[in-house]
Amino acid sequence: MPTSQQTATAYHWVMSIQTPDGLMTTRDAVIDVPEGVTRQQIFHFVATQFAEDYGQTFTILFFGLQPNTL
């Protein structure tokens, strides 16, 4: 029985946020994204990481997502 291999593409994301008390922070990372994953799913994945560290209340100032290739 043949097995299917899921193809993944490396993406670089950047997100900047500001908390209600004025703290501003920016993070970035490269993640391998399997076929079929949407930009919205990646956005929520990244925003959840910020929420775990800074709480549920913050303003997203910037979100960028691009393939990690030149």
N, C-alpha and C. Protein backbone atom coordinates (compact mmCIF):
# COMPACT_ATOMS: atom_id res chain seq x y z
N MET A 1 0.84 -1.17 0.00
CA MET A 1 0.00 0.00 0.00
C MET A 1 0.88 1.24 0.00
N PRO A 2 0.70 2.14 -0.97
CA PRO A 2 1.54 3.33 -1.03
C PRO A 2 1.23 4.29 0.11
N THR A 3 2.27 4.98 0.57
CA THR A 3 2.08 5.99 1.61
C THR A 3 2.20 7.36 0.96
N SER A 4 1.42 8.28 1.43
CA SER A 4 1.51 9.64 0.89
C SER A 4 2.41 10.47 1.79
N GLN A 5 3.27 11.23 1.16
CA GLN A 5 4.14 12.13 1.91
C GLN A 5 3.61 13.54 1.74
N GLN A 6 3.43 14.21 2.84
CA GLN A 6 2.91 15.57 2.80
C GLN A 6 4.07 16.53 2.59
N THR A 7 3.92 17.41 1.62
CA THR A 7 4.95 18.39 1.33
C THR A 7 4.79 19.59 2.25
N ALA A 8 5.91 20.07 2.76
CA ALA A 8 5.89 21.26 3.62
C ALA A 8 6.77 22.33 2.99
N THR A 9 6.39 23.59 3.21
CA THR A 9 7.14 24.73 2.72
C THR A 9 7.54 25.59 3.92
N ALA A 10 8.78 26.03 3.94
CA ALA A 10 9.26 26.89 5.03
C ALA A 10 8.74 28.31 4.82
N TYR A 11 8.13 28.87 5.87
CA TYR A 11 7.63 30.25 5.85
C TYR A 11 8.26 31.01 7.01
N HIS A 12 8.53 32.29 6.76
CA HIS A 12 9.04 33.18 7.80
C HIS A 12 7.90 34.11 8.20
N TRP A 13 7.60 34.15 9.50
CA TRP A 13 6.57 35.07 9.98
C TRP A 13 7.19 36.10 10.91
N VAL A 14 6.55 37.27 10.95
CA VAL A 14 6.93 38.36 11.85
C VAL A 14 5.63 38.93 12.42
N MET A 15 5.58 39.12 13.74
CA MET A 15 4.42 39.77 14.35
C MET A 15 4.90 40.76 15.40
N SER A 16 4.28 41.94 15.38
CA SER A 16 4.53 42.97 16.40
C SER A 16 3.22 43.23 17.11
N ILE A 17 3.30 43.37 18.43
CA ILE A 17 2.11 43.65 19.23
C ILE A 17 2.39 44.78 20.21
N GLN A 18 1.29 45.33 20.77
CA GLN A 18 1.37 46.27 21.88
C GLN A 18 0.33 45.87 22.91
N THR A 19 0.76 45.82 24.17
CA THR A 19 -0.14 45.47 25.26
C THR A 19 -0.81 46.75 25.79
N PRO A 20 -1.89 46.60 26.57
CA PRO A 20 -2.58 47.79 27.11
C PRO A 20 -1.67 48.70 27.96
N ASP A 21 -0.64 48.13 28.58
CA ASP A 21 0.26 48.96 29.40
C ASP A 21 1.39 49.58 28.59
N GLY A 22 1.35 49.44 27.25
CA GLY A 22 2.31 50.12 26.38
C GLY A 22 3.50 49.29 25.94
N LEU A 23 3.65 48.08 26.45
CA LEU A 23 4.75 47.23 26.04
C LEU A 23 4.60 46.88 24.57
N MET A 24 5.67 47.07 23.81
CA MET A 24 5.68 46.68 22.40
C MET A 24 6.75 45.62 22.20
N THR A 25 6.43 44.60 21.43
CA THR A 25 7.39 43.54 21.17
C THR A 25 7.16 42.97 19.77
N THR A 26 8.24 42.46 19.20
CA THR A 26 8.21 41.84 17.89
C THR A 26 8.91 40.50 17.98
N ARG A 27 8.33 39.51 17.34
CA ARG A 27 8.95 38.19 17.25
C ARG A 27 8.93 37.72 15.80
N ASP A 28 9.81 36.80 15.51
CA ASP A 28 9.79 36.17 14.20
C ASP A 28 10.29 34.74 14.32
N ALA A 29 9.95 33.94 13.33
CA ALA A 29 10.41 32.55 13.30
C ALA A 29 10.18 31.99 11.91
N VAL A 30 10.80 30.87 11.65
CA VAL A 30 10.56 30.11 10.43
C VAL A 30 9.84 28.84 10.83
N ILE A 31 8.74 28.54 10.13
CA ILE A 31 7.99 27.32 10.40
C ILE A 31 7.77 26.56 9.10
N ASP A 32 7.74 25.26 9.20
CA ASP A 32 7.43 24.41 8.06
C ASP A 32 5.93 24.21 8.00
N VAL A 33 5.33 24.64 6.91
CA VAL A 33 3.88 24.62 6.76
C VAL A 33 3.47 23.52 5.78
N PRO A 34 2.70 22.54 6.25
CA PRO A 34 2.24 21.47 5.36
C PRO A 34 1.24 22.00 4.33
N GLU A 35 1.14 21.30 3.22
CA GLU A 35 0.14 21.63 2.20
C GLU A 35 -1.24 21.68 2.84
N GLY A 36 -2.06 22.62 2.40
CA GLY A 36 -3.43 22.69 2.87
C GLY A 36 -3.65 23.60 4.07
N VAL A 37 -2.58 24.02 4.73
CA VAL A 37 -2.71 24.94 5.86
C VAL A 37 -2.94 26.34 5.32
N THR A 38 -3.85 27.08 5.93
CA THR A 38 -4.18 28.42 5.45
C THR A 38 -3.40 29.50 6.18
N ARG A 39 -3.36 30.66 5.57
CA ARG A 39 -2.72 31.83 6.19
C ARG A 39 -3.41 32.15 7.52
N GLN A 40 -4.74 32.02 7.54
CA GLN A 40 -5.50 32.30 8.76
C GLN A 40 -5.10 31.34 9.87
N GLN A 41 -4.89 30.09 9.57
CA GLN A 41 -4.47 29.12 10.59
C GLN A 41 -3.11 29.48 11.15
N ILE A 42 -2.20 29.92 10.31
CA ILE A 42 -0.88 30.32 10.79
C ILE A 42 -0.99 31.57 11.65
N PHE A 43 -1.81 32.53 11.22
CA PHE A 43 -2.03 33.75 12.00
C PHE A 43 -2.52 33.40 13.40
N HIS A 44 -3.51 32.54 13.50
CA HIS A 44 -4.05 32.16 14.81
C HIS A 44 -3.02 31.39 15.64
N PHE A 45 -2.21 30.57 15.01
CA PHE A 45 -1.14 29.85 15.70
C PHE A 45 -0.16 30.85 16.34
N VAL A 46 0.25 31.85 15.56
CA VAL A 46 1.20 32.85 16.05
C VAL A 46 0.57 33.71 17.14
N ALA A 47 -0.66 34.19 16.91
CA ALA A 47 -1.33 35.03 17.90
C ALA A 47 -1.52 34.30 19.22
N THR A 48 -1.78 33.00 19.16
CA THR A 48 -1.94 32.19 20.37
C THR A 48 -0.65 32.15 21.18
N GLN A 49 0.49 32.10 20.48
CA GLN A 49 1.77 32.11 21.19
C GLN A 49 1.95 33.41 21.97
N PHE A 50 1.58 34.54 21.36
CA PHE A 50 1.65 35.83 22.06
C PHE A 50 0.69 35.86 23.24
N ALA A 51 -0.53 35.35 23.04
CA ALA A 51 -1.53 35.35 24.11
C ALA A 51 -1.07 34.54 25.32
N GLU A 52 -0.35 33.46 25.07
CA GLU A 52 0.16 32.65 26.18
C GLU A 52 1.16 33.43 27.02
N ASP A 53 1.91 34.33 26.41
CA ASP A 53 2.93 35.10 27.12
C ASP A 53 2.44 36.45 27.64
N TYR A 54 1.48 37.08 26.94
CA TYR A 54 1.09 38.45 27.27
C TYR A 54 -0.38 38.59 27.63
N GLY A 55 -1.12 37.51 27.68
CA GLY A 55 -2.55 37.59 27.98
C GLY A 55 -3.36 37.78 26.71
N GLN A 56 -4.66 37.75 26.87
CA GLN A 56 -5.56 37.79 25.73
C GLN A 56 -5.74 39.19 25.14
N THR A 57 -5.37 40.23 25.87
CA THR A 57 -5.62 41.59 25.41
C THR A 57 -4.34 42.22 24.90
N PHE A 58 -4.26 42.38 23.60
CA PHE A 58 -3.16 43.10 22.98
C PHE A 58 -3.60 43.52 21.57
N THR A 59 -2.88 44.49 21.03
CA THR A 59 -3.17 44.96 19.68
C THR A 59 -2.07 44.47 18.75
N ILE A 60 -2.47 43.87 17.65
CA ILE A 60 -1.50 43.43 16.66
C ILE A 60 -1.19 44.61 15.76
N LEU A 61 0.07 45.00 15.75
CA LEU A 61 0.52 46.14 14.96
C LEU A 61 0.96 45.72 13.57
N PHE A 62 1.50 44.51 13.47
CA PHE A 62 2.00 44.03 12.18
C PHE A 62 2.02 42.52 12.18
N PHE A 63 1.65 41.94 11.05
CA PHE A 63 1.82 40.51 10.81
C PHE A 63 2.26 40.33 9.38
N GLY A 64 3.38 39.63 9.21
CA GLY A 64 3.88 39.31 7.89
C GLY A 64 4.17 37.83 7.78
N LEU A 65 3.88 37.28 6.61
CA LEU A 65 4.12 35.85 6.36
C LEU A 65 4.53 35.69 4.92
N GLN A 66 5.72 35.15 4.71
CA GLN A 66 6.25 34.97 3.35
C GLN A 66 7.00 33.65 3.27
N PRO A 67 7.02 33.03 2.10
CA PRO A 67 7.89 31.86 1.94
C PRO A 67 9.33 32.24 2.27
N ASN A 68 10.04 31.35 2.91
CA ASN A 68 11.40 31.64 3.37
C ASN A 68 12.41 31.32 2.27
N THR A 69 12.21 31.90 1.12
CA THR A 69 13.13 31.72 0.00
C THR A 69 13.41 33.07 -0.65
N LEU A 70 14.51 33.14 -1.35
CA LEU A 70 14.83 34.36 -2.11
C LEU A 70 14.71 34.06 -3.58
